[in-house]
Amino acid sequence: MLPSFDLYQPQSLGDALQALAKSDEMQPLAGATNLVPDLRGKRETCRSFISLKALDDLRYINREGDRVTVGACTTISDILRDSAMQTDAPALYAAAEIFAGTMVRNAATIGGNICCGSPSADTVPALLTLGAEVTLSSASGERTVPLDEFYVDYKKSVKRADELLTSVSWSIPAVNSVNLFYKLARRKGDAITVTGVAVMIAAQDGVCCSARIALGSVGPTVFRARAAEDLLTGKALDEDLIEQAARTAADQCAPIDDIRASAGYRLQTAFSLTRRLLTQAWKQLA
């Protein structure tokens, strides 16, 4: 049984932002694929929500030049139906393919997956390797925040109570780059991530000129393994260097024991999956 709660249903973005400006207790509700289970399980204590269901102007995928912008209410299924997404965001498309099940993908939104703040969020590692930015809007204006500066702790972010995440954007990967994602879970579908890894590597003249590595479900937030990235940048990669970078990435993890996996298992898989994806990416570039 769901507990009773108040639900405001604005018909425009302006109305939604005005409502958020007037209340510190109201929280946005989009697909509710995380919220409903949390309400049932009494993990969510908020009892006042603002529905974004009618805000069709937040459900879109736009391209301008080499920039892709996705509205916060765009569903995971919308991403899969977009014919260019496999080349414009390969890791994000791969994450969307294994995101829960079809019914959840039809409701879950990219903005909700980001704002939930879960370290096991499937889209976030991919978006971090794409160098994504989020737009936060309020009644007084808007601001853009790099996604790798968005999270401050477990389920905590820089988003203010009066702000709504309205879009996420990134630059289309260069032709000399490879963008990969892998989700380890206890089964193939409808499973929460045990360890999630995404990488982006770009090469020029046989040298790695750019590297991004993002890991999920191995710390309080999804994060960039910057020390590992620095090891790779400016070098021609080989087996030893890739293994060193993967070990460095694993050293930045701070996983927990839970019903899905032990902390030790997560550390081992963070290392092995990072090594695997970096190796695959470098081979593809070669």
Protein backbone atom coordinates (compact mmCIF):
# COMPACT_ATOMS: atom_id res chain seq x y z
CA MET A 1 0.00 0.00 0.00
CA LEU A 2 1.16 3.49 -0.82
CA PRO A 3 0.99 6.12 1.93
CA SER A 4 -1.17 9.17 1.25
CA PHE A 5 0.57 12.16 -0.35
CA ASP A 6 -0.20 15.46 -2.05
CA LEU A 7 0.35 15.72 -5.81
CA TYR A 8 0.42 19.03 -7.71
CA GLN A 9 0.03 18.69 -11.49
CA PRO A 10 1.23 21.86 -13.29
CA GLN A 11 0.49 22.28 -16.99
CA SER A 12 3.57 24.35 -17.84
CA LEU A 13 7.23 24.57 -16.86
CA GLY A 14 6.67 28.09 -15.52
CA ASP A 15 3.92 26.88 -13.18
CA ALA A 16 6.15 24.05 -11.97
CA LEU A 17 9.05 26.39 -11.20
CA GLN A 18 6.77 28.83 -9.38
CA ALA A 19 5.42 25.99 -7.25
CA LEU A 20 8.94 24.86 -6.35
CA ALA A 21 9.86 28.44 -5.45
CA LYS A 22 7.03 28.57 -2.91
CA SER A 23 7.75 25.30 -1.12
CA ASP A 24 10.93 23.76 0.30
CA GLU A 25 9.16 20.44 0.90
CA MET A 26 7.80 19.67 -2.58
CA GLN A 27 9.78 17.22 -4.71
CA PRO A 28 9.59 16.64 -8.50
CA LEU A 29 8.03 13.40 -9.75
CA ALA A 30 8.59 12.16 -13.31
CA GLY A 31 8.39 8.45 -14.15
CA ALA A 32 8.26 7.51 -10.43
CA THR A 33 9.94 4.16 -11.13
CA ASN A 34 12.19 4.69 -8.09
CA LEU A 35 9.80 6.81 -6.06
CA VAL A 36 6.89 4.37 -5.89
CA PRO A 37 9.01 1.47 -4.55
CA ASP A 38 10.63 3.84 -2.05
CA LEU A 39 7.23 5.06 -0.87
CA ARG A 40 6.00 1.49 -0.48
CA GLY A 41 9.16 0.52 1.38
CA LYS A 42 8.94 3.61 3.63
CA ARG A 43 12.37 4.76 2.46
CA GLU A 44 10.85 8.00 1.11
CA THR A 45 9.43 10.34 3.75
CA CYS A 46 8.35 13.24 1.51
CA ARG A 47 4.56 13.52 1.15
CA SER A 48 4.30 16.43 -1.29
CA PHE A 49 5.18 15.99 -4.96
CA ILE A 50 4.97 17.95 -8.18
CA SER A 51 4.23 15.88 -11.28
CA LEU A 52 6.14 16.63 -14.49
CA LYS A 53 3.93 14.34 -16.57
CA ALA A 54 2.19 17.15 -18.48
CA LEU A 55 5.40 19.04 -19.30
CA ASP A 56 5.87 17.84 -22.88
CA ASP A 57 8.36 20.63 -23.54
CA LEU A 58 10.83 18.69 -21.35
CA ARG A 59 10.56 15.55 -23.51
CA TYR A 60 12.77 15.94 -26.58
CA ILE A 61 16.10 15.10 -28.20
CA ASN A 62 17.66 17.99 -30.10
CA ARG A 63 20.86 18.26 -32.11
CA GLU A 64 22.62 21.49 -33.00
CA GLY A 65 26.02 21.20 -34.60
CA ASP A 66 27.98 18.61 -32.64
CA ARG A 67 25.87 19.10 -29.49
CA VAL A 68 23.07 16.80 -28.31
CA THR A 69 20.54 18.08 -25.78
CA VAL A 70 17.99 15.79 -24.14
CA GLY A 71 15.02 17.05 -22.15
CA ALA A 72 14.77 15.79 -18.58
CA CYS A 73 11.43 14.04 -19.20
CA THR A 74 12.77 12.04 -22.15
CA THR A 75 12.27 8.37 -21.33
CA ILE A 76 14.82 5.59 -21.63
CA SER A 77 12.66 4.12 -24.41
CA ASP A 78 12.81 7.46 -26.26
CA ILE A 79 16.61 7.19 -26.23
CA LEU A 80 16.47 3.67 -27.65
CA ARG A 81 14.09 4.77 -30.40
CA ASP A 82 16.41 7.57 -31.52
CA SER A 83 18.19 6.26 -34.61
CA ALA A 84 21.35 8.38 -34.16
CA MET A 85 21.93 7.71 -30.47
CA GLN A 86 24.14 4.67 -31.12
CA THR A 87 26.75 6.95 -32.69
CA ASP A 88 26.00 10.17 -30.75
CA ALA A 89 26.25 8.44 -27.35
CA PRO A 90 27.30 4.79 -27.67
CA ALA A 91 27.71 4.13 -23.94
CA LEU A 92 24.39 5.79 -23.11
CA TYR A 93 22.61 3.69 -25.73
CA ALA A 94 24.24 0.56 -24.32
CA ALA A 95 23.10 1.53 -20.81
CA ALA A 96 19.55 2.16 -22.04
CA GLU A 97 19.44 -1.28 -23.69
CA ILE A 98 19.89 -3.07 -20.35
CA PHE A 99 17.99 -0.53 -18.22
CA ALA A 100 15.43 -2.53 -16.16
CA GLY A 101 12.60 -3.93 -18.34
CA THR A 102 10.43 -2.56 -21.13
CA MET A 103 7.65 -1.23 -18.89
CA VAL A 104 10.13 0.60 -16.67
CA ARG A 105 12.00 2.01 -19.68
CA ASN A 106 8.71 3.38 -21.02
CA ALA A 107 8.22 5.42 -17.83
CA ALA A 108 11.67 6.11 -16.42
CA THR A 109 13.20 9.46 -17.47
CA ILE A 110 16.80 10.45 -17.95
CA GLY A 111 16.32 13.41 -15.60
CA GLY A 112 14.88 11.18 -12.91
CA ASN A 113 17.74 8.70 -13.21
CA ILE A 114 20.24 11.53 -12.76
CA CYS A 115 18.42 13.28 -9.91
CA CYS A 116 17.70 10.13 -7.93
CA GLY A 117 21.38 10.20 -7.03
CA SER A 118 21.72 6.45 -6.73
CA PRO A 119 25.30 5.17 -7.18
CA SER A 120 23.79 2.34 -9.26
CA ALA A 121 22.08 4.67 -11.77
CA ASP A 122 22.69 3.15 -15.20
CA THR A 123 22.78 6.29 -17.36
CA VAL A 124 25.16 8.32 -15.21
CA PRO A 125 28.49 6.50 -15.87
CA ALA A 126 27.85 6.79 -19.61
CA LEU A 127 26.94 10.47 -19.36
CA LEU A 128 30.07 11.18 -17.31
CA THR A 129 32.28 9.69 -20.02
CA LEU A 130 30.49 11.86 -22.57
CA GLY A 131 31.41 14.96 -20.55
CA ALA A 132 27.73 15.79 -20.03
CA GLU A 133 26.36 18.95 -18.48
CA VAL A 134 22.98 19.46 -16.81
CA THR A 135 20.79 22.56 -16.88
CA LEU A 136 19.13 23.51 -13.60
CA SER A 137 16.17 25.89 -13.91
CA SER A 138 14.33 27.92 -11.30
CA ALA A 139 11.83 30.79 -11.26
CA SER A 140 14.78 33.20 -11.06
CA GLY A 141 16.80 31.78 -13.96
CA GLU A 142 18.93 28.82 -14.98
CA ARG A 143 22.48 27.57 -14.64
CA THR A 144 24.60 24.86 -16.24
CA VAL A 145 26.60 22.42 -14.13
CA PRO A 146 29.06 19.76 -15.35
CA LEU A 147 27.65 16.39 -14.37
CA ASP A 148 30.93 15.42 -12.72
CA GLU A 149 30.35 18.33 -10.28
CA PHE A 150 26.65 17.57 -9.70
CA TYR A 151 26.88 14.96 -6.92
CA VAL A 152 28.26 15.80 -3.49
CA ASP A 153 27.37 12.62 -1.54
CA TYR A 154 25.00 9.68 -1.48
CA LYS A 155 21.74 10.91 -3.02
CA LYS A 156 22.85 14.53 -2.53
CA SER A 157 23.58 17.03 -5.27
CA VAL A 158 24.15 20.73 -5.88
CA LYS A 159 20.55 21.11 -7.11
CA ARG A 160 18.61 23.49 -4.86
CA ALA A 161 15.09 22.75 -3.62
CA ASP A 162 13.67 25.46 -5.91
CA GLU A 163 15.44 24.08 -9.01
CA LEU A 164 14.39 21.55 -11.59
CA LEU A 165 16.83 19.65 -13.78
CA THR A 166 15.45 20.49 -17.22
CA SER A 167 18.01 19.03 -19.65
CA VAL A 168 21.29 17.20 -20.10
CA SER A 169 23.66 17.81 -23.01
CA TRP A 170 26.98 16.60 -24.39
CA SER A 171 29.22 16.86 -27.44
CA ILE A 172 29.05 14.04 -30.00
CA PRO A 173 32.14 11.80 -29.63
CA ALA A 174 34.91 12.42 -32.15
CA VAL A 175 35.51 9.89 -34.92
CA ASN A 176 38.85 8.96 -33.33
CA SER A 177 37.20 7.86 -30.07
CA VAL A 178 35.50 4.80 -28.57
CA ASN A 179 32.78 4.97 -25.91
CA LEU A 180 31.82 1.75 -24.06
CA PHE A 181 29.63 0.71 -21.10
CA TYR A 182 29.22 -2.53 -19.18
CA LYS A 183 26.78 -3.37 -16.40
CA LEU A 184 27.42 -6.32 -14.12
CA ALA A 185 24.26 -7.53 -12.38
CA ARG A 186 22.89 -10.74 -10.91
CA ARG A 187 20.69 -11.36 -13.96
CA LYS A 188 20.28 -9.93 -17.46
CA GLY A 189 17.08 -7.93 -16.97
CA ASP A 190 15.31 -5.95 -14.23
CA ALA A 191 18.42 -6.02 -12.07
CA ILE A 192 20.16 -3.34 -10.02
CA THR A 193 23.79 -2.77 -10.95
CA VAL A 194 26.46 -4.59 -8.95
CA THR A 195 29.27 -2.78 -10.78
CA GLY A 196 28.94 -0.37 -13.69
CA VAL A 197 31.83 0.91 -15.81
CA ALA A 198 31.96 3.30 -18.76
CA VAL A 199 35.01 4.48 -20.68
CA MET A 200 35.78 6.95 -23.44
CA ILE A 201 39.16 6.94 -25.13
CA ALA A 202 40.32 9.13 -28.00
CA ALA A 203 43.59 8.53 -29.85
CA GLN A 204 45.74 10.43 -32.31
CA ASP A 205 48.93 9.18 -33.98
CA GLY A 206 48.93 6.06 -31.80
CA VAL A 207 48.72 8.00 -28.54
CA CYS A 208 45.80 8.33 -26.13
CA CYS A 209 44.92 12.03 -26.25
CA SER A 210 41.86 11.85 -23.98
CA ALA A 211 40.51 9.35 -21.46
CA ARG A 212 37.43 9.27 -19.27
CA ILE A 213 36.56 6.43 -16.88
CA ALA A 214 33.38 6.39 -14.78
CA LEU A 215 32.35 3.81 -12.21
CA GLY A 216 28.98 3.13 -10.62
CA SER A 217 27.77 1.17 -7.59
CA VAL A 218 31.26 1.16 -6.04
CA GLY A 219 30.98 4.29 -3.91
CA PRO A 220 28.45 6.75 -2.48
CA THR A 221 28.09 8.33 -5.94
CA VAL A 222 28.95 7.51 -9.52
CA PHE A 223 32.36 9.10 -10.11
CA ARG A 224 35.16 9.77 -12.60
CA ALA A 225 38.40 7.86 -11.92
CA ARG A 226 40.57 10.88 -12.68
CA ALA A 227 43.87 9.48 -11.41
CA ALA A 228 43.46 6.53 -13.75
CA GLU A 229 42.55 8.85 -16.63
CA ASP A 230 45.73 10.87 -16.04
CA LEU A 231 47.85 7.72 -16.27
CA LEU A 232 46.57 7.05 -19.80
CA THR A 233 46.54 10.54 -21.29
CA GLY A 234 49.46 11.31 -23.59
CA LYS A 235 50.71 7.73 -23.79
CA ALA A 236 50.56 4.80 -26.18
CA LEU A 237 48.62 2.18 -24.29
CA ASP A 238 49.82 -1.34 -23.67
CA GLU A 239 48.73 -4.22 -21.44
CA ASP A 240 50.80 -3.10 -18.44
CA LEU A 241 49.65 0.51 -18.57
CA ILE A 242 46.01 -0.51 -18.94
CA GLU A 243 46.33 -2.84 -15.95
CA GLN A 244 47.94 -0.07 -13.91
CA ALA A 245 45.12 2.34 -14.82
CA ALA A 246 42.47 -0.25 -13.96
CA ARG A 247 44.12 -0.89 -10.60
CA THR A 248 44.25 2.84 -9.93
CA ALA A 249 40.55 3.16 -10.78
CA ALA A 250 39.71 0.32 -8.38
CA ASP A 251 41.78 2.00 -5.66
CA GLN A 252 39.47 5.03 -5.88
CA CYS A 253 36.41 2.89 -5.11
CA ALA A 254 34.74 2.70 -1.71
CA PRO A 255 32.09 0.00 -2.11
CA ILE A 256 29.81 -1.49 0.54
CA ASP A 257 28.56 -4.98 1.31
CA ASP A 258 24.88 -5.48 0.48
CA ILE A 259 22.49 -8.20 -0.64
CA ARG A 260 23.79 -8.05 -4.22
CA ALA A 261 27.55 -8.32 -3.64
CA SER A 262 30.36 -7.93 -1.15
CA ALA A 263 32.66 -4.93 -1.14
CA GLY A 264 35.56 -7.18 -2.07
CA TYR A 265 33.74 -8.55 -5.10
CA ARG A 266 32.89 -5.05 -6.26
CA LEU A 267 36.53 -3.98 -5.96
CA GLN A 268 37.67 -6.95 -8.03
CA THR A 269 35.03 -6.41 -10.72
CA ALA A 270 35.73 -2.66 -10.86
CA PHE A 271 39.33 -3.55 -11.68
CA SER A 272 38.57 -6.34 -14.15
CA LEU A 273 35.78 -4.52 -15.99
CA THR A 274 37.81 -1.32 -16.30
CA ARG A 275 40.72 -3.31 -17.68
CA ARG A 276 38.41 -5.15 -20.09
CA LEU A 277 36.74 -2.01 -21.46
CA LEU A 278 40.00 -0.08 -21.79
CA THR A 279 41.52 -3.02 -23.68
CA GLN A 280 38.50 -3.31 -25.97
CA ALA A 281 38.46 0.44 -26.63
CA TRP A 282 42.18 0.57 -27.44
CA LYS A 283 41.92 -2.40 -29.79
CA GLN A 284 39.04 -0.74 -31.62
CA LEU A 285 41.05 2.46 -32.00
CA ALA A 286 44.02 0.50 -33.32
